[in-house]
Amino acid sequence: MTPEIVAVRGDITEAEVDAVVNAANSTLLGGGGVDGAIHRRGGPDILAECKQLRADTYPAGLPTGRAAATTAGNLPARWVIHTVGPVYAKSEDRSEQLASAYRESLRVADELGARTVAFPAISAGVYGWPIPDAARIAVETVRGADTAVEQVRFVLFSDDVLAAFDAAVG
């Protein structure tokens, strides 16, 4: 079943969904952009579980294109799914790593039993991925995913990013 795909402008930390996807860095210890916002609004429980993941499962950090879940702390969601998108490089095609971040997040969502998932535009901020291409990869990957997730909501931070995702969704 292909999930319903919706693109909205908003603050992902306010998304009322089962799981929010965090565009994390490999340390899982917070950062800027979406990552920092999720850690700030979600509170210390998210960081505590991220530290436990680092200690138990990912001592070298969460690899690019992989995903792992924690509590959502004070967020309206039940879980945060942390994924690491690739840094954009003109000299190397990292599209498969970006697609993997979406696929792996949906796989983790299925393991959790999440039916509604909110995604940011992974890698389209400080990681420099061109927004139209990031939107195309995101939407194509979600459409092609084998998942029980019923709705994927892209919660986007600006009008230009929303326009790119609206165009990709069609």
N, C-alpha and C. Protein backbone atom coordinates (compact mmCIF):
# COMPACT_ATOMS: atom_id res chain seq x y z
N MET A 1 0.84 -1.18 0.00
CA MET A 1 0.00 0.00 0.00
C MET A 1 0.88 1.24 0.00
N THR A 2 0.58 2.16 -0.86
CA THR A 2 1.32 3.42 -0.90
C THR A 2 0.68 4.39 0.09
N PRO A 3 1.49 5.01 0.95
CA PRO A 3 0.90 5.96 1.90
C PRO A 3 0.38 7.21 1.20
N GLU A 4 -0.60 7.84 1.81
CA GLU A 4 -1.03 9.17 1.38
C GLU A 4 0.15 10.10 1.62
N ILE A 5 0.44 10.97 0.67
CA ILE A 5 1.55 11.91 0.81
C ILE A 5 1.00 13.32 0.82
N VAL A 6 1.36 14.06 1.88
CA VAL A 6 0.89 15.43 2.07
C VAL A 6 2.11 16.31 2.31
N ALA A 7 2.12 17.50 1.74
CA ALA A 7 3.19 18.47 2.00
C ALA A 7 2.55 19.72 2.61
N VAL A 8 3.10 20.16 3.75
CA VAL A 8 2.58 21.33 4.44
C VAL A 8 3.75 22.20 4.91
N ARG A 9 3.49 23.47 5.06
CA ARG A 9 4.48 24.36 5.66
C ARG A 9 4.21 24.38 7.15
N GLY A 10 5.27 24.25 7.94
CA GLY A 10 5.05 24.29 9.38
C GLY A 10 6.29 23.94 10.17
N ASP A 11 6.06 23.75 11.46
CA ASP A 11 7.08 23.41 12.43
C ASP A 11 6.94 21.93 12.75
N ILE A 12 7.91 21.14 12.36
CA ILE A 12 7.82 19.70 12.54
C ILE A 12 7.71 19.30 14.01
N THR A 13 8.18 20.15 14.91
CA THR A 13 8.09 19.82 16.34
C THR A 13 6.65 19.91 16.85
N GLU A 14 5.76 20.47 16.05
CA GLU A 14 4.35 20.56 16.43
C GLU A 14 3.48 19.53 15.71
N ALA A 15 4.08 18.68 14.89
CA ALA A 15 3.31 17.71 14.10
C ALA A 15 2.66 16.67 15.01
N GLU A 16 1.36 16.53 14.86
CA GLU A 16 0.62 15.52 15.63
C GLU A 16 0.53 14.26 14.79
N VAL A 17 1.57 13.46 14.89
CA VAL A 17 1.72 12.21 14.14
C VAL A 17 2.27 11.16 15.10
N ASP A 18 2.29 9.91 14.64
CA ASP A 18 2.87 8.86 15.48
C ASP A 18 4.37 9.04 15.62
N ALA A 19 5.05 9.36 14.51
CA ALA A 19 6.51 9.50 14.54
C ALA A 19 6.95 10.72 13.73
N VAL A 20 7.91 11.43 14.28
CA VAL A 20 8.55 12.55 13.61
C VAL A 20 9.95 12.09 13.23
N VAL A 21 10.34 12.37 11.99
CA VAL A 21 11.69 12.03 11.55
C VAL A 21 12.60 13.22 11.79
N ASN A 22 13.72 12.93 12.41
CA ASN A 22 14.73 13.94 12.69
C ASN A 22 15.87 13.82 11.68
N ALA A 23 16.15 14.92 10.99
CA ALA A 23 17.33 14.97 10.11
C ALA A 23 18.54 15.18 11.02
N ALA A 24 19.04 14.09 11.54
CA ALA A 24 20.08 14.11 12.57
C ALA A 24 21.47 14.12 11.95
N ASN A 25 22.45 14.40 12.78
CA ASN A 25 23.83 14.15 12.37
C ASN A 25 24.24 12.82 12.99
N SER A 26 25.34 12.28 12.57
CA SER A 26 25.70 10.92 12.98
C SER A 26 25.97 10.78 14.47
N THR A 27 26.26 11.89 15.17
CA THR A 27 26.53 11.78 16.60
C THR A 27 25.27 11.49 17.41
N LEU A 28 24.11 11.84 16.87
CA LEU A 28 22.81 11.72 17.53
C LEU A 28 22.70 12.62 18.76
N LEU A 29 23.58 13.58 18.91
CA LEU A 29 23.61 14.39 20.12
C LEU A 29 23.05 15.79 19.94
N GLY A 30 22.26 15.99 18.89
CA GLY A 30 21.67 17.30 18.64
C GLY A 30 22.55 18.11 17.73
N GLY A 31 22.04 19.21 17.28
CA GLY A 31 22.78 20.07 16.36
C GLY A 31 21.94 21.28 16.00
N GLY A 32 22.05 21.72 14.76
CA GLY A 32 21.28 22.87 14.31
C GLY A 32 20.04 22.44 13.55
N GLY A 33 19.34 23.40 13.01
CA GLY A 33 18.19 23.13 12.16
C GLY A 33 17.13 22.27 12.82
N VAL A 34 16.58 21.34 12.05
CA VAL A 34 15.54 20.43 12.54
C VAL A 34 16.05 19.65 13.75
N ASP A 35 17.27 19.17 13.68
CA ASP A 35 17.85 18.37 14.75
C ASP A 35 17.83 19.13 16.08
N GLY A 36 18.33 20.35 16.06
CA GLY A 36 18.35 21.16 17.28
C GLY A 36 16.96 21.46 17.79
N ALA A 37 16.04 21.77 16.87
CA ALA A 37 14.66 22.09 17.26
C ALA A 37 13.99 20.90 17.92
N ILE A 38 14.18 19.71 17.38
CA ILE A 38 13.57 18.51 17.96
C ILE A 38 14.15 18.23 19.35
N HIS A 39 15.45 18.35 19.49
CA HIS A 39 16.06 18.12 20.81
C HIS A 39 15.61 19.18 21.82
N ARG A 40 15.54 20.45 21.41
CA ARG A 40 15.12 21.51 22.34
C ARG A 40 13.68 21.32 22.78
N ARG A 41 12.79 21.13 21.82
CA ARG A 41 11.36 21.02 22.16
C ARG A 41 11.04 19.68 22.81
N GLY A 42 11.72 18.63 22.38
CA GLY A 42 11.43 17.30 22.93
C GLY A 42 11.97 17.08 24.33
N GLY A 43 12.99 17.82 24.70
CA GLY A 43 13.52 17.73 26.05
C GLY A 43 14.60 16.68 26.23
N PRO A 44 15.07 16.52 27.47
CA PRO A 44 16.25 15.70 27.76
C PRO A 44 16.05 14.19 27.56
N ASP A 45 14.83 13.71 27.53
CA ASP A 45 14.61 12.26 27.36
C ASP A 45 15.12 11.78 26.00
N ILE A 46 14.97 12.63 24.97
CA ILE A 46 15.44 12.26 23.63
C ILE A 46 16.96 12.12 23.64
N LEU A 47 17.65 13.11 24.20
CA LEU A 47 19.11 13.06 24.27
C LEU A 47 19.58 11.86 25.09
N ALA A 48 18.90 11.57 26.18
CA ALA A 48 19.29 10.42 27.01
C ALA A 48 19.20 9.12 26.21
N GLU A 49 18.13 8.95 25.43
CA GLU A 49 18.00 7.73 24.63
C GLU A 49 18.99 7.71 23.47
N CYS A 50 19.29 8.88 22.91
CA CYS A 50 20.32 8.95 21.86
C CYS A 50 21.68 8.54 22.41
N LYS A 51 22.00 9.01 23.60
CA LYS A 51 23.27 8.61 24.23
C LYS A 51 23.31 7.11 24.47
N GLN A 52 22.18 6.52 24.83
CA GLN A 52 22.12 5.07 25.03
C GLN A 52 22.32 4.33 23.71
N LEU A 53 21.70 4.84 22.63
CA LEU A 53 21.91 4.24 21.31
C LEU A 53 23.38 4.27 20.93
N ARG A 54 24.04 5.40 21.20
CA ARG A 54 25.47 5.52 20.90
C ARG A 54 26.28 4.52 21.72
N ALA A 55 25.93 4.36 22.97
CA ALA A 55 26.68 3.45 23.85
C ALA A 55 26.46 1.99 23.46
N ASP A 56 25.22 1.64 23.11
CA ASP A 56 24.88 0.23 22.89
C ASP A 56 24.98 -0.24 21.44
N THR A 57 24.53 0.59 20.50
CA THR A 57 24.32 0.12 19.14
C THR A 57 25.21 0.81 18.11
N TYR A 58 25.42 2.10 18.27
CA TYR A 58 26.16 2.88 17.27
C TYR A 58 27.32 3.65 17.92
N PRO A 59 28.31 2.94 18.43
CA PRO A 59 29.41 3.65 19.11
C PRO A 59 30.18 4.61 18.21
N ALA A 60 30.20 4.33 16.91
CA ALA A 60 30.89 5.22 15.97
C ALA A 60 29.94 6.25 15.35
N GLY A 61 28.69 6.25 15.78
CA GLY A 61 27.69 7.16 15.24
C GLY A 61 26.75 6.44 14.29
N LEU A 62 25.58 7.02 14.07
CA LEU A 62 24.59 6.45 13.17
C LEU A 62 25.07 6.67 11.73
N PRO A 63 25.22 5.60 10.96
CA PRO A 63 25.72 5.76 9.58
C PRO A 63 24.73 6.52 8.68
N THR A 64 25.25 7.21 7.70
CA THR A 64 24.43 7.90 6.71
C THR A 64 23.49 6.89 6.04
N GLY A 65 22.22 7.30 5.93
CA GLY A 65 21.22 6.45 5.29
C GLY A 65 20.55 5.47 6.22
N ARG A 66 20.95 5.42 7.47
CA ARG A 66 20.33 4.52 8.45
C ARG A 66 19.38 5.31 9.35
N ALA A 67 18.61 4.60 10.17
CA ALA A 67 17.64 5.25 11.05
C ALA A 67 17.51 4.47 12.35
N ALA A 68 17.18 5.18 13.42
CA ALA A 68 16.98 4.58 14.74
C ALA A 68 15.96 5.43 15.49
N ALA A 69 15.20 4.80 16.37
CA ALA A 69 14.11 5.50 17.07
C ALA A 69 14.41 5.73 18.54
N THR A 70 13.81 6.83 19.04
CA THR A 70 13.80 7.12 20.47
C THR A 70 12.40 7.60 20.84
N THR A 71 12.22 7.84 22.11
CA THR A 71 11.02 8.50 22.57
C THR A 71 10.92 9.87 21.90
N ALA A 72 9.74 10.46 21.93
CA ALA A 72 9.56 11.82 21.42
C ALA A 72 9.57 12.84 22.57
N GLY A 73 9.76 12.37 23.78
CA GLY A 73 9.82 13.29 24.91
C GLY A 73 8.59 14.16 24.99
N ASN A 74 8.80 15.47 24.95
CA ASN A 74 7.70 16.43 25.09
C ASN A 74 7.02 16.80 23.77
N LEU A 75 7.40 16.17 22.68
CA LEU A 75 6.75 16.44 21.40
C LEU A 75 5.37 15.79 21.38
N PRO A 76 4.46 16.27 20.52
CA PRO A 76 3.15 15.62 20.41
C PRO A 76 3.22 14.21 19.81
N ALA A 77 4.27 13.90 19.10
CA ALA A 77 4.44 12.56 18.51
C ALA A 77 4.77 11.54 19.61
N ARG A 78 4.70 10.26 19.26
CA ARG A 78 5.09 9.20 20.21
C ARG A 78 6.56 8.87 20.11
N TRP A 79 7.11 8.96 18.88
CA TRP A 79 8.51 8.60 18.67
C TRP A 79 9.21 9.61 17.78
N VAL A 80 10.54 9.65 17.92
CA VAL A 80 11.39 10.35 16.97
C VAL A 80 12.22 9.29 16.27
N ILE A 81 12.21 9.34 14.95
CA ILE A 81 13.05 8.46 14.15
C ILE A 81 14.19 9.32 13.63
N HIS A 82 15.39 9.04 14.10
CA HIS A 82 16.57 9.80 13.72
C HIS A 82 17.18 9.16 12.48
N THR A 83 17.46 9.96 11.48
CA THR A 83 18.14 9.46 10.28
C THR A 83 19.19 10.46 9.85
N VAL A 84 20.23 9.95 9.22
CA VAL A 84 21.33 10.79 8.77
C VAL A 84 21.32 10.84 7.25
N GLY A 85 21.04 12.02 6.72
CA GLY A 85 21.11 12.21 5.28
C GLY A 85 22.52 12.54 4.86
N PRO A 86 22.80 12.37 3.58
CA PRO A 86 24.14 12.68 3.08
C PRO A 86 24.34 14.18 2.87
N VAL A 87 25.58 14.61 2.94
CA VAL A 87 25.94 15.96 2.53
C VAL A 87 26.02 15.94 1.01
N TYR A 88 25.42 16.94 0.37
CA TYR A 88 25.41 17.01 -1.08
C TYR A 88 26.83 17.24 -1.61
N ALA A 89 27.16 16.54 -2.70
CA ALA A 89 28.45 16.73 -3.37
C ALA A 89 28.24 16.66 -4.87
N LYS A 90 28.66 17.69 -5.59
CA LYS A 90 28.55 17.68 -7.05
C LYS A 90 29.41 16.58 -7.66
N SER A 91 30.48 16.24 -6.99
CA SER A 91 31.46 15.29 -7.54
C SER A 91 31.09 13.82 -7.31
N GLU A 92 30.05 13.57 -6.51
CA GLU A 92 29.69 12.18 -6.19
C GLU A 92 28.17 12.08 -6.04
N ASP A 93 27.56 11.11 -6.71
CA ASP A 93 26.12 10.92 -6.62
C ASP A 93 25.79 10.16 -5.34
N ARG A 94 25.19 10.86 -4.41
CA ARG A 94 24.81 10.27 -3.12
C ARG A 94 23.30 10.10 -3.02
N SER A 95 22.62 10.08 -4.16
CA SER A 95 21.16 9.97 -4.18
C SER A 95 20.66 8.73 -3.47
N GLU A 96 21.36 7.61 -3.63
CA GLU A 96 20.93 6.37 -2.99
C GLU A 96 21.00 6.48 -1.46
N GLN A 97 21.98 7.22 -0.95
CA GLN A 97 22.06 7.42 0.50
C GLN A 97 20.88 8.24 0.99
N LEU A 98 20.48 9.25 0.20
CA LEU A 98 19.33 10.06 0.59
C LEU A 98 18.05 9.22 0.54
N ALA A 99 17.88 8.45 -0.51
CA ALA A 99 16.71 7.56 -0.60
C ALA A 99 16.69 6.57 0.56
N SER A 100 17.86 6.06 0.92
CA SER A 100 17.95 5.11 2.03
C SER A 100 17.50 5.73 3.35
N ALA A 101 17.80 7.00 3.56
CA ALA A 101 17.36 7.66 4.79
C ALA A 101 15.83 7.63 4.90
N TYR A 102 15.14 7.84 3.79
CA TYR A 102 13.68 7.77 3.80
C TYR A 102 13.19 6.34 3.97
N ARG A 103 13.77 5.40 3.20
CA ARG A 103 13.35 3.99 3.29
C ARG A 103 13.58 3.42 4.70
N GLU A 104 14.76 3.69 5.25
CA GLU A 104 15.08 3.17 6.58
C GLU A 104 14.18 3.79 7.65
N SER A 105 13.84 5.06 7.49
CA SER A 105 12.92 5.70 8.44
C SER A 105 11.55 5.03 8.40
N LEU A 106 11.08 4.71 7.20
CA LEU A 106 9.79 4.01 7.07
C LEU A 106 9.87 2.59 7.62
N ARG A 107 11.02 1.93 7.44
CA ARG A 107 11.19 0.59 8.00
C ARG A 107 11.10 0.64 9.52
N VAL A 108 11.77 1.61 10.13
CA VAL A 108 11.71 1.77 11.58
C VAL A 108 10.28 2.12 12.01
N ALA A 109 9.61 2.98 11.26
CA ALA A 109 8.21 3.32 11.56
C ALA A 109 7.34 2.07 11.57
N ASP A 110 7.56 1.18 10.60
CA ASP A 110 6.81 -0.08 10.56
C ASP A 110 7.11 -0.93 11.79
N GLU A 111 8.36 -0.99 12.20
CA GLU A 111 8.72 -1.76 13.39
C GLU A 111 8.02 -1.22 14.64
N LEU A 112 7.86 0.09 14.69
CA LEU A 112 7.20 0.73 15.83
C LEU A 112 5.68 0.60 15.77
N GLY A 113 5.14 0.36 14.59
CA GLY A 113 3.70 0.36 14.40
C GLY A 113 3.14 1.74 14.10
N ALA A 114 3.99 2.67 13.71
CA ALA A 114 3.55 4.02 13.39
C ALA A 114 2.75 4.02 12.08
N ARG A 115 1.65 4.73 12.07
CA ARG A 115 0.82 4.82 10.87
C ARG A 115 0.90 6.19 10.22
N THR A 116 1.31 7.21 11.00
CA THR A 116 1.48 8.56 10.46
C THR A 116 2.90 9.02 10.80
N VAL A 117 3.59 9.54 9.79
CA VAL A 117 4.99 9.94 9.95
C VAL A 117 5.20 11.31 9.32
N ALA A 118 5.87 12.19 10.05
CA ALA A 118 6.23 13.52 9.53
C ALA A 118 7.71 13.55 9.21
N PHE A 119 8.04 13.97 8.00
CA PHE A 119 9.42 14.09 7.55
C PHE A 119 9.76 15.55 7.30
N PRO A 120 11.00 15.95 7.60
CA PRO A 120 11.51 17.21 7.08
C PRO A 120 12.09 16.96 5.69
N ALA A 121 12.63 17.99 5.09
CA ALA A 121 13.34 17.84 3.81
C ALA A 121 14.78 17.44 4.14
N ILE A 122 15.01 16.14 4.24
CA ILE A 122 16.31 15.62 4.65
C ILE A 122 17.39 16.06 3.67
N SER A 123 18.49 16.56 4.22
CA SER A 123 19.68 17.00 3.49
C SER A 123 19.49 18.30 2.71
N ALA A 124 18.29 18.90 2.75
CA ALA A 124 18.03 20.10 1.94
C ALA A 124 18.34 21.40 2.68
N GLY A 125 18.83 21.30 3.90
CA GLY A 125 19.20 22.50 4.64
C GLY A 125 20.70 22.70 4.59
N VAL A 126 21.34 22.62 5.75
CA VAL A 126 22.78 22.88 5.82
C VAL A 126 23.60 21.83 5.05
N TYR A 127 23.01 20.68 4.73
CA TYR A 127 23.75 19.67 3.96
C TYR A 127 23.75 19.97 2.47
N GLY A 128 23.04 21.03 2.07
CA GLY A 128 23.21 21.61 0.74
C GLY A 128 22.57 20.91 -0.45
N TRP A 129 21.69 19.93 -0.22
CA TRP A 129 21.08 19.23 -1.36
C TRP A 129 20.17 20.18 -2.10
N PRO A 130 20.26 20.26 -3.42
CA PRO A 130 19.35 21.14 -4.18
C PRO A 130 17.89 20.75 -3.91
N ILE A 131 17.08 21.73 -3.54
CA ILE A 131 15.74 21.45 -3.04
C ILE A 131 14.86 20.69 -4.03
N PRO A 132 14.79 21.07 -5.30
CA PRO A 132 13.92 20.29 -6.20
C PRO A 132 14.32 18.82 -6.30
N ASP A 133 15.62 18.54 -6.31
CA ASP A 133 16.09 17.16 -6.38
C ASP A 133 15.82 16.43 -5.07
N ALA A 134 16.02 17.11 -3.95
CA ALA A 134 15.73 16.50 -2.65
C ALA A 134 14.25 16.12 -2.56
N ALA A 135 13.39 17.00 -3.06
CA ALA A 135 11.94 16.73 -3.04
C ALA A 135 11.60 15.55 -3.94
N ARG A 136 12.18 15.51 -5.13
CA ARG A 136 11.92 14.40 -6.06
C ARG A 136 12.33 13.07 -5.45
N ILE A 137 13.52 13.00 -4.88
CA ILE A 137 14.01 11.76 -4.28
C ILE A 137 13.12 11.35 -3.11
N ALA A 138 12.75 12.31 -2.29
CA ALA A 138 11.90 12.01 -1.13
C ALA A 138 10.56 11.41 -1.55
N VAL A 139 9.89 12.09 -2.48
CA VAL A 139 8.55 11.65 -2.89
C VAL A 139 8.62 10.32 -3.63
N GLU A 140 9.57 10.17 -4.55
CA GLU A 140 9.70 8.90 -5.29
C GLU A 140 10.00 7.74 -4.34
N THR A 141 10.84 7.98 -3.34
CA THR A 141 11.20 6.91 -2.41
C THR A 141 10.01 6.51 -1.57
N VAL A 142 9.26 7.48 -1.06
CA VAL A 142 8.08 7.17 -0.25
C VAL A 142 7.05 6.44 -1.10
N ARG A 143 6.84 6.90 -2.33
CA ARG A 143 5.86 6.23 -3.20
C ARG A 143 6.24 4.79 -3.49
N GLY A 144 7.53 4.51 -3.58
CA GLY A 144 7.99 3.17 -3.90
C GLY A 144 8.25 2.27 -2.71
N ALA A 145 8.05 2.80 -1.52
CA ALA A 145 8.37 2.03 -0.31
C ALA A 145 7.31 0.98 0.00
N ASP A 146 7.78 -0.14 0.49
CA ASP A 146 6.90 -1.20 0.98
C ASP A 146 6.70 -0.92 2.47
N THR A 147 5.58 -0.28 2.81
CA THR A 147 5.37 0.16 4.19
C THR A 147 3.90 0.07 4.56
N ALA A 148 3.66 -0.08 5.86
CA ALA A 148 2.29 -0.05 6.38
C ALA A 148 1.91 1.36 6.84
N VAL A 149 2.83 2.31 6.74
CA VAL A 149 2.52 3.70 7.11
C VAL A 149 1.39 4.19 6.20
N GLU A 150 0.39 4.80 6.79
CA GLU A 150 -0.79 5.24 6.04
C GLU A 150 -0.66 6.65 5.50
N GLN A 151 0.04 7.52 6.25
CA GLN A 151 0.23 8.90 5.78
C GLN A 151 1.64 9.37 6.06
N VAL A 152 2.27 9.91 5.04
CA VAL A 152 3.56 10.59 5.18
C VAL A 152 3.28 12.07 4.97
N ARG A 153 3.65 12.85 5.96
CA ARG A 153 3.47 14.30 5.91
C ARG A 153 4.85 14.94 5.85
N PHE A 154 5.13 15.63 4.76
CA PHE A 154 6.36 16.41 4.68
C PHE A 154 6.06 17.77 5.31
N VAL A 155 6.71 18.06 6.43
CA VAL A 155 6.50 19.32 7.14
C VAL A 155 7.71 20.19 6.85
N LEU A 156 7.47 21.26 6.10
CA LEU A 156 8.56 22.01 5.48
C LEU A 156 8.64 23.43 6.02
N PHE A 157 9.85 23.95 6.03
CA PHE A 157 10.15 25.16 6.78
C PHE A 157 10.01 26.45 6.00
N SER A 158 9.82 26.40 4.69
CA SER A 158 9.71 27.64 3.91
C SER A 158 8.85 27.43 2.68
N ASP A 159 8.40 28.55 2.11
CA ASP A 159 7.52 28.48 0.94
C ASP A 159 8.21 27.84 -0.26
N ASP A 160 9.51 28.12 -0.47
CA ASP A 160 10.19 27.55 -1.64
C ASP A 160 10.35 26.03 -1.51
N VAL A 161 10.59 25.56 -0.30
CA VAL A 161 10.71 24.11 -0.10
C VAL A 161 9.33 23.46 -0.25
N LEU A 162 8.31 24.09 0.29
CA LEU A 162 6.95 23.57 0.12
C LEU A 162 6.58 23.51 -1.36
N ALA A 163 6.90 24.54 -2.13
CA ALA A 163 6.59 24.55 -3.56
C ALA A 163 7.28 23.40 -4.29
N ALA A 164 8.52 23.11 -3.92
CA ALA A 164 9.24 22.01 -4.56
C ALA A 164 8.60 20.67 -4.22
N PHE A 165 8.19 20.50 -2.98
CA PHE A 165 7.55 19.24 -2.59
C PHE A 165 6.16 19.11 -3.21
N ASP A 166 5.42 20.22 -3.27
CA ASP A 166 4.11 20.20 -3.95
C ASP A 166 4.27 19.77 -5.40
N ALA A 167 5.30 20.29 -6.07
CA ALA A 167 5.55 19.92 -7.47
C ALA A 167 5.91 18.45 -7.58
N ALA A 168 6.70 17.93 -6.65
CA ALA A 168 7.10 16.51 -6.68
C ALA A 168 5.92 15.59 -6.41
N VAL A 169 5.05 16.02 -5.49
CA VAL A 169 3.86 15.20 -5.16
C VAL A 169 2.91 15.18 -6.35
N GLY A 170 2.85 16.31 -7.07
CA GLY A 170 1.99 16.38 -8.25
C GLY A 170 0.63 16.80 -7.87
